[in-house]
Protein backbone atom coordinates (compact mmCIF):
# COMPACT_ATOMS: atom_id res chain seq x y z
CA MET A 1 29.61 -1.17 -8.82
CA SER A 2 32.81 -3.18 -8.74
CA ALA A 3 34.49 -4.38 -11.90
CA GLY A 4 33.59 -7.84 -13.10
CA VAL A 5 30.06 -7.83 -11.70
CA PRO A 6 27.35 -8.19 -14.35
CA PRO A 7 24.38 -5.82 -14.17
CA LYS A 8 21.83 -6.95 -11.66
CA THR A 9 18.38 -8.28 -12.47
CA PHE A 10 15.36 -7.48 -10.34
CA ILE A 11 13.60 -10.53 -8.91
CA SER A 12 10.40 -9.59 -10.78
CA ASP A 13 12.36 -9.89 -14.07
CA LEU A 14 13.85 -13.36 -13.47
CA ARG A 15 13.10 -15.88 -16.21
CA PRO A 16 13.72 -19.65 -16.14
CA SER A 17 16.68 -21.17 -18.01
CA ARG A 18 18.74 -18.01 -17.73
CA VAL A 19 21.73 -16.90 -15.73
CA ALA A 20 21.11 -13.84 -13.53
CA THR A 21 22.83 -11.61 -11.01
CA ILE A 22 20.61 -10.40 -8.17
CA GLU A 23 20.96 -8.46 -4.94
CA ALA A 24 18.45 -9.37 -2.27
CA THR A 25 17.81 -10.04 1.41
CA VAL A 26 17.51 -13.56 2.81
CA VAL A 27 14.01 -13.45 4.33
CA GLN A 28 13.60 -17.15 5.09
CA LEU A 29 15.84 -20.19 5.52
CA GLU A 30 14.60 -23.71 6.09
CA PRO A 31 16.64 -26.23 8.09
CA VAL A 32 19.47 -28.00 6.26
CA ARG A 33 18.48 -31.48 5.07
CA GLU A 34 20.37 -34.35 3.49
CA ILE A 35 19.32 -36.02 0.29
CA ILE A 36 20.67 -39.16 -1.32
CA GLN A 37 21.91 -38.47 -4.83
CA ARG A 38 21.61 -40.87 -7.75
CA ASP A 39 25.17 -42.03 -7.09
CA GLY A 40 24.22 -42.96 -3.52
CA LEU A 41 26.20 -40.14 -1.92
CA LYS A 42 24.56 -37.78 0.58
CA LYS A 43 24.41 -34.09 -0.19
CA ARG A 44 23.23 -31.26 2.04
CA VAL A 45 20.53 -28.96 0.68
CA ARG A 46 18.77 -25.91 2.08
CA ASN A 47 15.84 -23.95 0.74
CA GLY A 48 15.13 -20.32 1.42
CA ARG A 49 13.58 -17.14 0.05
CA LEU A 50 15.18 -13.98 -1.24
CA LYS A 51 13.41 -10.62 -1.44
CA ASP A 52 14.13 -7.34 -3.17
CA ASP A 53 11.94 -4.29 -3.82
CA THR A 54 10.21 -6.05 -6.73
CA GLY A 55 9.34 -9.46 -5.27
CA GLU A 56 10.53 -12.75 -3.80
CA VAL A 57 12.19 -15.83 -5.26
CA SER A 58 13.00 -19.31 -3.95
CA LEU A 59 16.66 -20.01 -3.26
CA VAL A 60 18.32 -23.44 -3.18
CA LEU A 61 21.77 -23.92 -1.64
CA TRP A 62 23.74 -27.15 -2.11
CA GLY A 63 26.67 -28.70 -0.24
CA ASP A 64 28.99 -26.17 1.40
CA GLU A 65 26.75 -23.34 0.15
CA VAL A 66 24.23 -24.08 2.94
CA ASP A 67 26.56 -22.43 5.48
CA LEU A 68 27.14 -19.23 3.48
CA VAL A 69 24.11 -17.23 4.60
CA ALA A 70 21.89 -16.49 7.58
CA GLN A 71 18.38 -15.08 7.69
CA GLY A 72 18.51 -11.30 7.33
CA ASP A 73 21.76 -11.28 5.31
CA ARG A 74 21.91 -9.03 2.27
CA VAL A 75 23.53 -10.98 -0.57
CA ARG A 76 24.54 -10.75 -4.18
CA ILE A 77 24.29 -13.85 -6.33
CA ILE A 78 26.50 -13.48 -9.40
CA GLY A 79 25.72 -15.74 -12.32
CA GLY A 80 22.99 -17.66 -10.52
CA TRP A 81 20.97 -20.24 -12.47
CA VAL A 82 17.23 -19.61 -12.66
CA LYS A 83 14.95 -22.58 -13.24
CA ASP A 84 11.23 -23.16 -13.17
CA TYR A 85 10.11 -25.02 -10.05
CA GLN A 86 6.40 -25.75 -9.72
CA GLY A 87 5.56 -22.85 -12.02
CA ARG A 88 7.70 -20.27 -10.23
CA PRO A 89 11.30 -19.12 -10.73
CA GLN A 90 13.90 -20.57 -8.38
CA ILE A 91 17.55 -19.49 -8.19
CA SER A 92 20.64 -21.50 -7.25
CA LEU A 93 24.36 -20.99 -7.77
CA GLY A 94 24.37 -23.66 -10.46
CA ARG A 95 27.80 -24.71 -11.70
CA THR A 96 29.40 -21.29 -12.04
CA GLY A 97 27.54 -18.87 -9.75
CA ARG A 98 29.00 -17.08 -6.72
CA LEU A 99 27.40 -15.73 -3.58
CA GLU A 100 28.70 -12.63 -1.79
CA LYS A 101 27.46 -11.02 1.43
CA LEU A 102 26.89 -7.30 1.00
């Protein structure tokens, strides 16, 4: 494991309102859509699903992040933000997370 990478969390162990580092495969990506933010500006958003040996989790990519991955890519999300969405964990890069292709 390279220096500066926190220990990874398995998808089955993700808990809302925590920061996590996961390694997983992009198993689904929905088309990019545009939403209007509160400030009236448009922002691109894309939903997907990540899978590891322990389970699956929803992924949300915002802005330039939507172009970072393709279906089938193996990725590491470092410092991703986990939130509860409709009773299930969902991960995004949040303010400080990074996404790397493996």
